[in-house]
Amino acid sequence: MQRLIRTLGICATLYLFALPAMGDSLEDAKAAGKLGEGVDGYLHVVNSAAGAEMAALASSINEKRKEKYQGIATKQGIPLNAVETQAGTKLVDRASAGQYVMTSNGEWTKK
């Protein structure tokens, strides 16, 4: 029993340390112009030269976002795309100066 508790404690600690690291890498990627927010509520790779790691990071985060958006849409009884659009507008508005955001016509602009 003590071994199980110890193992769970170690896993929880590792998880807590992993969260800021993922957040830092996302913010670093945005600051470096590799990833940007879209008005569709999802992250996008700004430049294909950013590499597979950036595409994987965006995909992972977008999967989690879509789950969250779907939950909100279901709870509110509204279409998923309405939640995505509202979230996208907020994410683009909150993007920091110097970060790239994708406009509704699919073009990148630097804030």
PDB file of N, CA and C in Angstrom:
ATOM      1  N   MET A   1       0.825  -1.192   0.000  1.00  0.00           N
ATOM      2  CA  MET A   1       0.000   0.000   0.000  1.00  0.00           C
ATOM      3  C   MET A   1       0.870   1.257   0.000  1.00  0.00           C
ATOM      4  N   GLN A   2       1.909   1.262   0.829  1.00  0.00           N
ATOM      5  CA  GLN A   2       2.799   2.431   0.874  1.00  0.00           C
ATOM      6  C   GLN A   2       3.508   2.613  -0.465  1.00  0.00           C
ATOM      7  N   ARG A   3       3.828   1.506  -1.100  1.00  0.00           N
ATOM      8  CA  ARG A   3       4.499   1.584  -2.393  1.00  0.00           C
ATOM      9  C   ARG A   3       3.578   2.227  -3.431  1.00  0.00           C
ATOM     10  N   LEU A   4       2.303   1.863  -3.386  1.00  0.00           N
ATOM     11  CA  LEU A   4       1.330   2.439  -4.306  1.00  0.00           C
ATOM     12  C   LEU A   4       1.183   3.941  -4.073  1.00  0.00           C
ATOM     13  N   ILE A   5       1.083   4.327  -2.828  1.00  0.00           N
ATOM     14  CA  ILE A   5       0.947   5.749  -2.484  1.00  0.00           C
ATOM     15  C   ILE A   5       2.183   6.515  -2.944  1.00  0.00           C
ATOM     16  N   ARG A   6       3.341   5.943  -2.723  1.00  0.00           N
ATOM     17  CA  ARG A   6       4.597   6.583  -3.133  1.00  0.00           C
ATOM     18  C   ARG A   6       4.651   6.739  -4.656  1.00  0.00           C
ATOM     19  N   THR A   7       4.250   5.681  -5.375  1.00  0.00           N
ATOM     20  CA  THR A   7       4.262   5.719  -6.833  1.00  0.00           C
ATOM     21  C   THR A   7       3.294   6.776  -7.350  1.00  0.00           C
ATOM     22  N   LEU A   8       2.101   6.841  -6.759  1.00  0.00           N
ATOM     23  CA  LEU A   8       1.134   7.854  -7.165  1.00  0.00           C
ATOM     24  C   LEU A   8       1.646   9.262  -6.886  1.00  0.00           C
ATOM     25  N   GLY A   9       2.320   9.419  -5.758  1.00  0.00           N
ATOM     26  CA  GLY A   9       2.906  10.716  -5.423  1.00  0.00           C
ATOM     27  C   GLY A   9       3.960  11.138  -6.422  1.00  0.00           C
ATOM     28  N   ILE A  10       4.783  10.209  -6.843  1.00  0.00           N
ATOM     29  CA  ILE A  10       5.827  10.501  -7.831  1.00  0.00           C
ATOM     30  C   ILE A  10       5.190  10.871  -9.166  1.00  0.00           C
ATOM     31  N   CYS A  11       4.169  10.108  -9.565  1.00  0.00           N
ATOM     32  CA  CYS A  11       3.482  10.401 -10.836  1.00  0.00           C
ATOM     33  C   CYS A  11       2.832  11.784 -10.807  1.00  0.00           C
ATOM     34  N   ALA A  12       2.199  12.102  -9.693  1.00  0.00           N
ATOM     35  CA  ALA A  12       1.554  13.416  -9.561  1.00  0.00           C
ATOM     36  C   ALA A  12       2.585  14.531  -9.646  1.00  0.00           C
ATOM     37  N   THR A  13       3.719  14.348  -9.002  1.00  0.00           N
ATOM     38  CA  THR A  13       4.780  15.354  -9.031  1.00  0.00           C
ATOM     39  C   THR A  13       5.310  15.542 -10.449  1.00  0.00           C
ATOM     40  N   LEU A  14       5.545  14.445 -11.153  1.00  0.00           N
ATOM     41  CA  LEU A  14       6.039  14.529 -12.527  1.00  0.00           C
ATOM     42  C   LEU A  14       5.024  15.233 -13.426  1.00  0.00           C
ATOM     43  N   TYR A  15       3.755  14.928 -13.219  1.00  0.00           N
ATOM     44  CA  TYR A  15       2.701  15.562 -14.003  1.00  0.00           C
ATOM     45  C   TYR A  15       2.691  17.073 -13.768  1.00  0.00           C
ATOM     46  N   LEU A  16       2.807  17.473 -12.510  1.00  0.00           N
ATOM     47  CA  LEU A  16       2.797  18.899 -12.189  1.00  0.00           C
ATOM     48  C   LEU A  16       3.981  19.635 -12.798  1.00  0.00           C
ATOM     49  N   PHE A  17       5.138  18.964 -12.844  1.00  0.00           N
ATOM     50  CA  PHE A  17       6.302  19.594 -13.460  1.00  0.00           C
ATOM     51  C   PHE A  17       6.190  19.618 -14.976  1.00  0.00           C
ATOM     52  N   ALA A  18       5.472  18.661 -15.547  1.00  0.00           N
ATOM     53  CA  ALA A  18       5.333  18.592 -17.001  1.00  0.00           C
ATOM     54  C   ALA A  18       4.402  19.682 -17.522  1.00  0.00           C
ATOM     55  N   LEU A  19       3.392  20.071 -16.747  1.00  0.00           N
ATOM     56  CA  LEU A  19       2.453  21.083 -17.208  1.00  0.00           C
ATOM     57  C   LEU A  19       3.118  22.419 -17.527  1.00  0.00           C
ATOM     58  N   PRO A  20       3.918  22.975 -16.620  1.00  0.00           N
ATOM     59  CA  PRO A  20       4.565  24.237 -16.974  1.00  0.00           C
ATOM     60  C   PRO A  20       5.522  24.095 -18.143  1.00  0.00           C
ATOM     61  N   ALA A  21       6.171  22.946 -18.260  1.00  0.00           N
ATOM     62  CA  ALA A  21       7.107  22.762 -19.368  1.00  0.00           C
ATOM     63  C   ALA A  21       6.374  22.797 -20.692  1.00  0.00           C
ATOM     64  N   MET A  22       5.195  22.170 -20.753  1.00  0.00           N
ATOM     65  CA  MET A  22       4.430  22.191 -21.981  1.00  0.00           C
ATOM     66  C   MET A  22       3.942  23.617 -22.251  1.00  0.00           C
ATOM     67  N   GLY A  23       3.499  24.301 -21.214  1.00  0.00           N
ATOM     68  CA  GLY A  23       3.060  25.677 -21.372  1.00  0.00           C
ATOM     69  C   GLY A  23       4.184  26.574 -21.843  1.00  0.00           C
ATOM     70  N   ASP A  24       5.369  26.393 -21.278  1.00  0.00           N
ATOM     71  CA  ASP A  24       6.522  27.186 -21.701  1.00  0.00           C
ATOM     72  C   ASP A  24       6.852  26.923 -23.166  1.00  0.00           C
ATOM     73  N   SER A  25       6.818  25.664 -23.586  1.00  0.00           N
ATOM     74  CA  SER A  25       7.169  25.374 -24.965  1.00  0.00           C
ATOM     75  C   SER A  25       6.125  25.958 -25.918  1.00  0.00           C
ATOM     76  N   LEU A  26       4.863  26.001 -25.501  1.00  0.00           N
ATOM     77  CA  LEU A  26       3.831  26.619 -26.325  1.00  0.00           C
ATOM     78  C   LEU A  26       4.079  28.118 -26.434  1.00  0.00           C
ATOM     79  N   GLU A  27       4.305  28.759 -25.315  1.00  0.00           N
ATOM     80  CA  GLU A  27       4.562  30.208 -25.339  1.00  0.00           C
ATOM     81  C   GLU A  27       5.838  30.525 -26.106  1.00  0.00           C
ATOM     82  N   ASP A  28       6.856  29.686 -25.940  1.00  0.00           N
ATOM     83  CA  ASP A  28       8.096  29.883 -26.695  1.00  0.00           C
ATOM     84  C   ASP A  28       7.842  29.753 -28.196  1.00  0.00           C
ATOM     85  N   ALA A  29       7.037  28.755 -28.569  1.00  0.00           N
ATOM     86  CA  ALA A  29       6.742  28.534 -29.986  1.00  0.00           C
ATOM     87  C   ALA A  29       5.958  29.707 -30.568  1.00  0.00           C
ATOM     88  N   LYS A  30       5.031  30.245 -29.790  1.00  0.00           N
ATOM     89  CA  LYS A  30       4.270  31.410 -30.256  1.00  0.00           C
ATOM     90  C   LYS A  30       5.186  32.628 -30.387  1.00  0.00           C
ATOM     91  N   ALA A  31       6.027  32.838 -29.379  1.00  0.00           N
ATOM     92  CA  ALA A  31       6.939  33.992 -29.393  1.00  0.00           C
ATOM     93  C   ALA A  31       7.927  33.905 -30.553  1.00  0.00           C
ATOM     94  N   ALA A  32       8.307  32.676 -30.903  1.00  0.00           N
ATOM     95  CA  ALA A  32       9.260  32.483 -31.997  1.00  0.00           C
ATOM     96  C   ALA A  32       8.582  32.510 -33.367  1.00  0.00           C
ATOM     97  N   GLY A  33       7.266  32.655 -33.390  1.00  0.00           N
ATOM     98  CA  GLY A  33       6.551  32.710 -34.656  1.00  0.00           C
ATOM     99  C   GLY A  33       6.367  31.362 -35.318  1.00  0.00           C
ATOM    100  N   LYS A  34       6.481  30.284 -34.536  1.00  0.00           N
ATOM    101  CA  LYS A  34       6.302  28.941 -35.097  1.00  0.00           C
ATOM    102  C   LYS A  34       4.847  28.492 -35.059  1.00  0.00           C
ATOM    103  N   LEU A  35       4.136  28.868 -34.004  1.00  0.00           N
ATOM    104  CA  LEU A  35       2.723  28.542 -33.851  1.00  0.00           C
ATOM    105  C   LEU A  35       1.935  29.825 -33.666  1.00  0.00           C
ATOM    106  N   GLY A  36       0.699  29.804 -34.118  1.00  0.00           N
ATOM    107  CA  GLY A  36      -0.164  30.963 -33.940  1.00  0.00           C
ATOM    108  C   GLY A  36      -1.599  30.531 -33.723  1.00  0.00           C
ATOM    109  N   GLU A  37      -2.375  31.429 -33.155  1.00  0.00           N
ATOM    110  CA  GLU A  37      -3.788  31.162 -32.903  1.00  0.00           C
ATOM    111  C   GLU A  37      -4.601  31.506 -34.146  1.00  0.00           C
ATOM    112  N   GLY A  38      -5.635  30.712 -34.365  1.00  0.00           N
ATOM    113  CA  GLY A  38      -6.532  30.968 -35.481  1.00  0.00           C
ATOM    114  C   GLY A  38      -7.900  31.392 -34.986  1.00  0.00           C
ATOM    115  N   VAL A  39      -8.633  32.104 -35.817  1.00  0.00           N
ATOM    116  CA  VAL A  39      -9.977  32.520 -35.446  1.00  0.00           C
ATOM    117  C   VAL A  39     -10.926  31.333 -35.341  1.00  0.00           C
ATOM    118  N   ASP A  40     -10.449  30.156 -35.733  1.00  0.00           N
ATOM    119  CA  ASP A  40     -11.260  28.944 -35.623  1.00  0.00           C
ATOM    120  C   ASP A  40     -11.140  28.283 -34.250  1.00  0.00           C
ATOM    121  N   GLY A  41     -10.324  28.890 -33.356  1.00  0.00           N
ATOM    122  CA  GLY A  41     -10.185  28.363 -32.008  1.00  0.00           C
ATOM    123  C   GLY A  41      -9.065  27.356 -31.835  1.00  0.00           C
ATOM    124  N   TYR A  42      -8.257  27.176 -32.865  1.00  0.00           N
ATOM    125  CA  TYR A  42      -7.197  26.177 -32.806  1.00  0.00           C
ATOM    126  C   TYR A  42      -5.828  26.784 -33.125  1.00  0.00           C
ATOM    127  N   LEU A  43      -4.800  26.072 -32.658  1.00  0.00           N
ATOM    128  CA  LEU A  43      -3.424  26.446 -32.955  1.00  0.00           C
ATOM    129  C   LEU A  43      -3.065  25.973 -34.351  1.00  0.00           C
ATOM    130  N   HIS A  44      -2.215  26.729 -35.016  1.00  0.00           N
ATOM    131  CA  HIS A  44      -1.764  26.353 -36.352  1.00  0.00           C
ATOM    132  C   HIS A  44      -0.260  26.591 -36.450  1.00  0.00           C
ATOM    133  N   VAL A  45       0.367  25.805 -37.289  1.00  0.00           N
ATOM    134  CA  VAL A  45       1.785  26.004 -37.583  1.00  0.00           C
ATOM    135  C   VAL A  45       1.878  27.169 -38.555  1.00  0.00           C
ATOM    136  N   VAL A  46       2.639  28.180 -38.186  1.00  0.00           N
ATOM    137  CA  VAL A  46       2.750  29.390 -39.006  1.00  0.00           C
ATOM    138  C   VAL A  46       3.557  29.122 -40.268  1.00  0.00           C
ATOM    139  N   ASN A  47       4.627  28.365 -40.119  1.00  0.00           N
ATOM    140  CA  ASN A  47       5.536  28.102 -41.224  1.00  0.00           C
ATOM    141  C   ASN A  47       5.872  26.622 -41.216  1.00  0.00           C
ATOM    142  N   SER A  48       5.772  25.963 -42.338  1.00  0.00           N
ATOM    143  CA  SER A  48       6.038  24.521 -42.402  1.00  0.00           C
ATOM    144  C   SER A  48       7.466  24.180 -41.986  1.00  0.00           C
ATOM    145  N   ALA A  49       8.361  25.158 -42.020  1.00  0.00           N
ATOM    146  CA  ALA A  49       9.740  24.927 -41.591  1.00  0.00           C
ATOM    147  C   ALA A  49       9.849  24.757 -40.073  1.00  0.00           C
ATOM    148  N   ALA A  50       8.741  24.997 -39.353  1.00  0.00           N
ATOM    149  CA  ALA A  50       8.747  24.861 -37.890  1.00  0.00           C
ATOM    150  C   ALA A  50       9.017  23.423 -37.468  1.00  0.00           C
ATOM    151  N   GLY A  51       8.679  22.468 -38.304  1.00  0.00           N
ATOM    152  CA  GLY A  51       9.014  21.081 -38.042  1.00  0.00           C
ATOM    153  C   GLY A  51       7.886  20.253 -37.453  1.00  0.00           C
ATOM    154  N   ALA A  52       8.141  18.964 -37.419  1.00  0.00           N
ATOM    155  CA  ALA A  52       7.156  17.991 -36.961  1.00  0.00           C
ATOM    156  C   ALA A  52       6.843  18.132 -35.478  1.00  0.00           C
ATOM    157  N   GLU A  53       7.826  18.544 -34.699  1.00  0.00           N
ATOM    158  CA  GLU A  53       7.601  18.696 -33.259  1.00  0.00           C
ATOM    159  C   GLU A  53       6.544  19.772 -32.988  1.00  0.00           C
ATOM    160  N   MET A  54       6.600  20.864 -33.725  1.00  0.00           N
ATOM    161  CA  MET A  54       5.618  21.938 -33.553  1.00  0.00           C
ATOM    162  C   MET A  54       4.240  21.480 -34.031  1.00  0.00           C
ATOM    163  N   ALA A  55       4.209  20.740 -35.119  1.00  0.00           N
ATOM    164  CA  ALA A  55       2.934  20.225 -35.622  1.00  0.00           C
ATOM    165  C   ALA A  55       2.322  19.255 -34.607  1.00  0.00           C
ATOM    166  N   ALA A  56       3.149  18.439 -33.986  1.00  0.00           N
ATOM    167  CA  ALA A  56       2.664  17.493 -32.979  1.00  0.00           C
ATOM    168  C   ALA A  56       2.156  18.228 -31.740  1.00  0.00           C
ATOM    169  N   LEU A  57       2.855  19.273 -31.332  1.00  0.00           N
ATOM    170  CA  LEU A  57       2.424  20.061 -30.177  1.00  0.00           C
ATOM    171  C   LEU A  57       1.067  20.704 -30.462  1.00  0.00           C
ATOM    172  N   ALA A  58       0.920  21.312 -31.628  1.00  0.00           N
ATOM    173  CA  ALA A  58      -0.348  21.942 -32.001  1.00  0.00           C
ATOM    174  C   ALA A  58      -1.458  20.904 -32.046  1.00  0.00           C
ATOM    175  N   SER A  59      -1.186  19.764 -32.626  1.00  0.00           N
ATOM    176  CA  SER A  59      -2.192  18.712 -32.735  1.00  0.00           C
ATOM    177  C   SER A  59      -2.646  18.225 -31.363  1.00  0.00           C
ATOM    178  N   SER A  60      -1.702  18.033 -30.467  1.00  0.00           N
ATOM    179  CA  SER A  60      -2.016  17.572 -29.113  1.00  0.00           C
ATOM    180  C   SER A  60      -2.896  18.583 -28.376  1.00  0.00           C
ATOM    181  N   ILE A  61      -2.528  19.831 -28.459  1.00  0.00           N
ATOM    182  CA  ILE A  61      -3.304  20.884 -27.790  1.00  0.00           C
ATOM    183  C   ILE A  61      -4.674  21.031 -28.448  1.00  0.00           C
ATOM    184  N   ASN A  62      -4.724  20.937 -29.766  1.00  0.00           N
ATOM    185  CA  ASN A  62      -5.994  21.077 -30.469  1.00  0.00           C
ATOM    186  C   ASN A  62      -6.970  19.947 -30.133  1.00  0.00           C
ATOM    187  N   GLU A  63      -6.456  18.744 -29.925  1.00  0.00           N
ATOM    188  CA  GLU A  63      -7.321  17.636 -29.518  1.00  0.00           C
ATOM    189  C   GLU A  63      -7.994  17.946 -28.185  1.00  0.00           C
ATOM    190  N   LYS A  64      -7.222  18.473 -27.244  1.00  0.00           N
ATOM    191  CA  LYS A  64      -7.759  18.821 -25.930  1.00  0.00           C
ATOM    192  C   LYS A  64      -8.756  19.977 -26.037  1.00  0.00           C
ATOM    193  N   ARG A  65      -8.435  20.944 -26.866  1.00  0.00           N
ATOM    194  CA  ARG A  65      -9.354  22.066 -27.057  1.00  0.00           C
ATOM    195  C   ARG A  65     -10.680  21.583 -27.633  1.00  0.00           C
ATOM    196  N   LYS A  66     -10.599  20.710 -28.642  1.00  0.00           N
ATOM    197  CA  LYS A  66     -11.827  20.240 -29.280  1.00  0.00           C
ATOM    198  C   LYS A  66     -12.708  19.493 -28.274  1.00  0.00           C
ATOM    199  N   GLU A  67     -12.097  18.679 -27.413  1.00  0.00           N
ATOM    200  CA  GLU A  67     -12.865  17.990 -26.374  1.00  0.00           C
ATOM    201  C   GLU A  67     -13.579  18.997 -25.475  1.00  0.00           C
ATOM    202  N   LYS A  68     -12.857  20.018 -25.072  1.00  0.00           N
ATOM    203  CA  LYS A  68     -13.422  21.054 -24.200  1.00  0.00           C
ATOM    204  C   LYS A  68     -14.546  21.806 -24.921  1.00  0.00           C
ATOM    205  N   TYR A  69     -14.294  22.194 -26.164  1.00  0.00           N
ATOM    206  CA  TYR A  69     -15.298  22.905 -26.944  1.00  0.00           C
ATOM    207  C   TYR A  69     -16.558  22.049 -27.111  1.00  0.00           C
ATOM    208  N   GLN A  70     -16.361  20.764 -27.396  1.00  0.00           N
ATOM    209  CA  GLN A  70     -17.506  19.866 -27.585  1.00  0.00           C
ATOM    210  C   GLN A  70     -18.329  19.764 -26.311  1.00  0.00           C
ATOM    211  N   GLY A  71     -17.644  19.696 -25.173  1.00  0.00           N
ATOM    212  CA  GLY A  71     -18.339  19.642 -23.890  1.00  0.00           C
ATOM    213  C   GLY A  71     -19.174  20.892 -23.650  1.00  0.00           C
ATOM    214  N   ILE A  72     -18.611  22.041 -23.967  1.00  0.00           N
ATOM    215  CA  ILE A  72     -19.340  23.306 -23.801  1.00  0.00           C
ATOM    216  C   ILE A  72     -20.536  23.350 -24.755  1.00  0.00           C
ATOM    217  N   ALA A  73     -20.321  22.943 -26.001  1.00  0.00           N
ATOM    218  CA  ALA A  73     -21.399  22.960 -26.990  1.00  0.00           C
ATOM    219  C   ALA A  73     -22.543  22.047 -26.562  1.00  0.00           C
ATOM    220  N   THR A  74     -22.202  20.881 -26.097  1.00  0.00           N
ATOM    221  CA  THR A  74     -23.226  19.935 -25.653  1.00  0.00           C
ATOM    222  C   THR A  74     -23.984  20.490 -24.455  1.00  0.00           C
ATOM    223  N   LYS A  75     -23.250  21.014 -23.492  1.00  0.00           N
ATOM    224  CA  LYS A  75     -23.872  21.557 -22.276  1.00  0.00           C
ATOM    225  C   LYS A  75     -24.788  22.742 -22.600  1.00  0.00           C
ATOM    226  N   GLN A  76     -24.366  23.596 -23.523  1.00  0.00           N
ATOM    227  CA  GLN A  76     -25.126  24.795 -23.872  1.00  0.00           C
ATOM    228  C   GLN A  76     -26.178  24.540 -24.954  1.00  0.00           C
ATOM    229  N   GLY A  77     -26.096  23.376 -25.596  1.00  0.00           N
ATOM    230  CA  GLY A  77     -27.039  23.063 -26.667  1.00  0.00           C
ATOM    231  C   GLY A  77     -26.834  23.915 -27.906  1.00  0.00           C
ATOM    232  N   ILE A  78     -25.565  24.218 -28.210  1.00  0.00           N
ATOM    233  CA  ILE A  78     -25.248  25.034 -29.386  1.00  0.00           C
ATOM    234  C   ILE A  78     -24.280  24.266 -30.278  1.00  0.00           C
ATOM    235  N   PRO A  79     -24.164  24.662 -31.539  1.00  0.00           N
ATOM    236  CA  PRO A  79     -23.253  23.954 -32.449  1.00  0.00           C
ATOM    237  C   PRO A  79     -21.784  24.106 -32.027  1.00  0.00           C
ATOM    238  N   LEU A  80     -21.008  23.076 -32.290  1.00  0.00           N
ATOM    239  CA  LEU A  80     -19.580  23.094 -31.979  1.00  0.00           C
ATOM    240  C   LEU A  80     -18.889  24.282 -32.628  1.00  0.00           C
ATOM    241  N   ASN A  81     -19.211  24.566 -33.894  1.00  0.00           N
ATOM    242  CA  ASN A  81     -18.504  25.657 -34.587  1.00  0.00           C
ATOM    243  C   ASN A  81     -18.767  27.013 -33.947  1.00  0.00           C
ATOM    244  N   ALA A  82     -19.893  27.178 -33.261  1.00  0.00           N
ATOM    245  CA  ALA A  82     -20.158  28.444 -32.563  1.00  0.00           C
ATOM    246  C   ALA A  82     -19.203  28.606 -31.386  1.00  0.00           C
ATOM    247  N   VAL A  83     -18.946  27.513 -30.682  1.00  0.00           N
ATOM    248  CA  VAL A  83     -18.005  27.549 -29.558  1.00  0.00           C
ATOM    249  C   VAL A  83     -16.596  27.773 -30.078  1.00  0.00           C
ATOM    250  N   GLU A  84     -16.231  27.085 -31.152  1.00  0.00           N
ATOM    251  CA  GLU A  84     -14.894  27.236 -31.737  1.00  0.00           C
ATOM    252  C   GLU A  84     -14.643  28.682 -32.168  1.00  0.00           C
ATOM    253  N   THR A  85     -15.624  29.278 -32.811  1.00  0.00           N
ATOM    254  CA  THR A  85     -15.490  30.654 -33.293  1.00  0.00           C
ATOM    255  C   THR A  85     -15.364  31.635 -32.136  1.00  0.00           C
ATOM    256  N   GLN A  86     -16.175  31.454 -31.115  1.00  0.00           N
ATOM    257  CA  GLN A  86     -16.109  32.347 -29.960  1.00  0.00           C
ATOM    258  C   GLN A  86     -14.764  32.213 -29.247  1.00  0.00           C
ATOM    259  N   ALA A  87     -14.304  30.980 -29.078  1.00  0.00           N
ATOM    260  CA  ALA A  87     -13.006  30.761 -28.442  1.00  0.00           C
ATOM    261  C   ALA A  87     -11.883  31.344 -29.301  1.00  0.00           C
ATOM    262  N   GLY A  88     -11.982  31.147 -30.617  1.00  0.00           N
ATOM    263  CA  GLY A  88     -10.961  31.673 -31.524  1.00  0.00           C
ATOM    264  C   GLY A  88     -10.841  33.177 -31.450  1.00  0.00           C
ATOM    265  N   THR A  89     -11.970  33.854 -31.389  1.00  0.00           N
ATOM    266  CA  THR A  89     -11.967  35.307 -31.277  1.00  0.00           C
ATOM    267  C   THR A  89     -11.253  35.742 -30.003  1.00  0.00           C
ATOM    268  N   LYS A  90     -11.557  35.070 -28.899  1.00  0.00           N
ATOM    269  CA  LYS A  90     -10.915  35.407 -27.628  1.00  0.00           C
ATOM    270  C   LYS A  90      -9.418  35.115 -27.664  1.00  0.00           C
ATOM    271  N   LEU A  91      -9.028  33.960 -28.231  1.00  0.00           N
ATOM    272  CA  LEU A  91      -7.609  33.602 -28.279  1.00  0.00           C
ATOM    273  C   LEU A  91      -6.814  34.572 -29.143  1.00  0.00           C
ATOM    274  N   VAL A  92      -7.384  34.975 -30.268  1.00  0.00           N
ATOM    275  CA  VAL A  92      -6.702  35.936 -31.151  1.00  0.00           C
ATOM    276  C   VAL A  92      -6.580  37.285 -30.438  1.00  0.00           C
ATOM    277  N   ASP A  93      -7.653  37.702 -29.765  1.00  0.00           N
ATOM    278  CA  ASP A  93      -7.613  38.976 -29.038  1.00  0.00           C
ATOM    279  C   ASP A  93      -6.569  38.959 -27.927  1.00  0.00           C
ATOM    280  N   ARG A  94      -6.397  37.821 -27.290  1.00  0.00           N
ATOM    281  CA  ARG A  94      -5.457  37.704 -26.168  1.00  0.00           C
ATOM    282  C   ARG A  94      -4.017  37.452 -26.594  1.00  0.00           C
ATOM    283  N   ALA A  95      -3.791  37.193 -27.857  1.00  0.00           N
ATOM    284  CA  ALA A  95      -2.427  36.945 -28.326  1.00  0.00           C
ATOM    285  C   ALA A  95      -1.557  38.161 -28.029  1.00  0.00           C
ATOM    286  N   SER A  96      -0.353  37.893 -27.623  1.00  0.00           N
ATOM    287  CA  SER A  96       0.577  38.974 -27.275  1.00  0.00           C
ATOM    288  C   SER A  96       1.119  39.666 -28.521  1.00  0.00           C
ATOM    289  N   ALA A  97       1.573  40.870 -28.319  1.00  0.00           N
ATOM    290  CA  ALA A  97       2.210  41.617 -29.405  1.00  0.00           C
ATOM    291  C   ALA A  97       3.402  40.823 -29.925  1.00  0.00           C
ATOM    292  N   GLY A  98       3.531  40.777 -31.234  1.00  0.00           N
ATOM    293  CA  GLY A  98       4.627  40.052 -31.858  1.00  0.00           C
ATOM    294  C   GLY A  98       4.273  38.620 -32.235  1.00  0.00           C
ATOM    295  N   GLN A  99       3.141  38.120 -31.742  1.00  0.00           N
ATOM    296  CA  GLN A  99       2.718  36.769 -32.095  1.00  0.00           C
ATOM    297  C   GLN A  99       1.882  36.810 -33.368  1.00  0.00           C
ATOM    298  N   TYR A 100       1.875  35.668 -34.075  1.00  0.00           N
ATOM    299  CA  TYR A 100       1.097  35.572 -35.298  1.00  0.00           C
ATOM    300  C   TYR A 100      -0.297  35.049 -34.994  1.00  0.00           C
ATOM    301  N   VAL A 101      -1.272  35.617 -35.710  1.00  0.00           N
ATOM    302  CA  VAL A 101      -2.651  35.154 -35.629  1.00  0.00           C
ATOM    303  C   VAL A 101      -3.166  34.970 -37.055  1.00  0.00           C
ATOM    304  N   MET A 102      -4.023  33.973 -37.219  1.00  0.00           N
ATOM    305  CA  MET A 102      -4.583  33.697 -38.531  1.00  0.00           C
ATOM    306  C   MET A 102      -5.936  34.397 -38.656  1.00  0.00           C
ATOM    307  N   THR A 103      -6.086  35.149 -39.719  1.00  0.00           N
ATOM    308  CA  THR A 103      -7.340  35.866 -39.955  1.00  0.00           C
ATOM    309  C   THR A 103      -8.393  34.910 -40.515  1.00  0.00           C
ATOM    310  N   SER A 104      -9.605  35.387 -40.636  1.00  0.00           N
ATOM    311  CA  SER A 104     -10.696  34.549 -41.135  1.00  0.00           C
ATOM    312  C   SER A 104     -10.494  34.107 -42.586  1.00  0.00           C
ATOM    313  N   ASN A 105      -9.661  34.830 -43.333  1.00  0.00           N
ATOM    314  CA  ASN A 105      -9.383  34.414 -44.710  1.00  0.00           C
ATOM    315  C   ASN A 105      -8.138  33.535 -44.816  1.00  0.00           C
ATOM    316  N   GLY A 106      -7.607  33.100 -43.672  1.00  0.00           N
ATOM    317  CA  GLY A 106      -6.492  32.158 -43.650  1.00  0.00           C
ATOM    318  C   GLY A 106      -5.106  32.770 -43.788  1.00  0.00           C
ATOM    319  N   GLU A 107      -5.016  34.076 -43.706  1.00  0.00           N
ATOM    320  CA  GLU A 107      -3.726  34.746 -43.812  1.00  0.00           C
ATOM    321  C   GLU A 107      -3.162  35.022 -42.426  1.00  0.00           C
ATOM    322  N   TRP A 108      -1.845  34.967 -42.330  1.00  0.00           N
ATOM    323  CA  TRP A 108      -1.164  35.244 -41.058  1.00  0.00           C
ATOM    324  C   TRP A 108      -0.888  36.740 -40.944  1.00  0.00           C
ATOM    325  N   THR A 109      -1.083  37.260 -39.755  1.00  0.00           N
ATOM    326  CA  THR A 109      -0.722  38.632 -39.468  1.00  0.00           C
ATOM    327  C   THR A 109      -0.041  38.673 -38.109  1.00  0.00           C
ATOM    328  N   LYS A 110       0.925  39.550 -37.992  1.00  0.00           N
ATOM    329  CA  LYS A 110       1.660  39.692 -36.732  1.00  0.00           C
ATOM    330  C   LYS A 110       1.013  40.792 -35.902  1.00  0.00           C
ATOM    331  N   LYS A 111       0.687  40.461 -34.664  1.00  0.00           N
ATOM    332  CA  LYS A 111       0.041  41.456 -33.790  1.00  0.00           C
ATOM    333  C   LYS A 111       1.045  42.503 -33.350  1.00  0.00           C
TER     334      LYS A 111
END
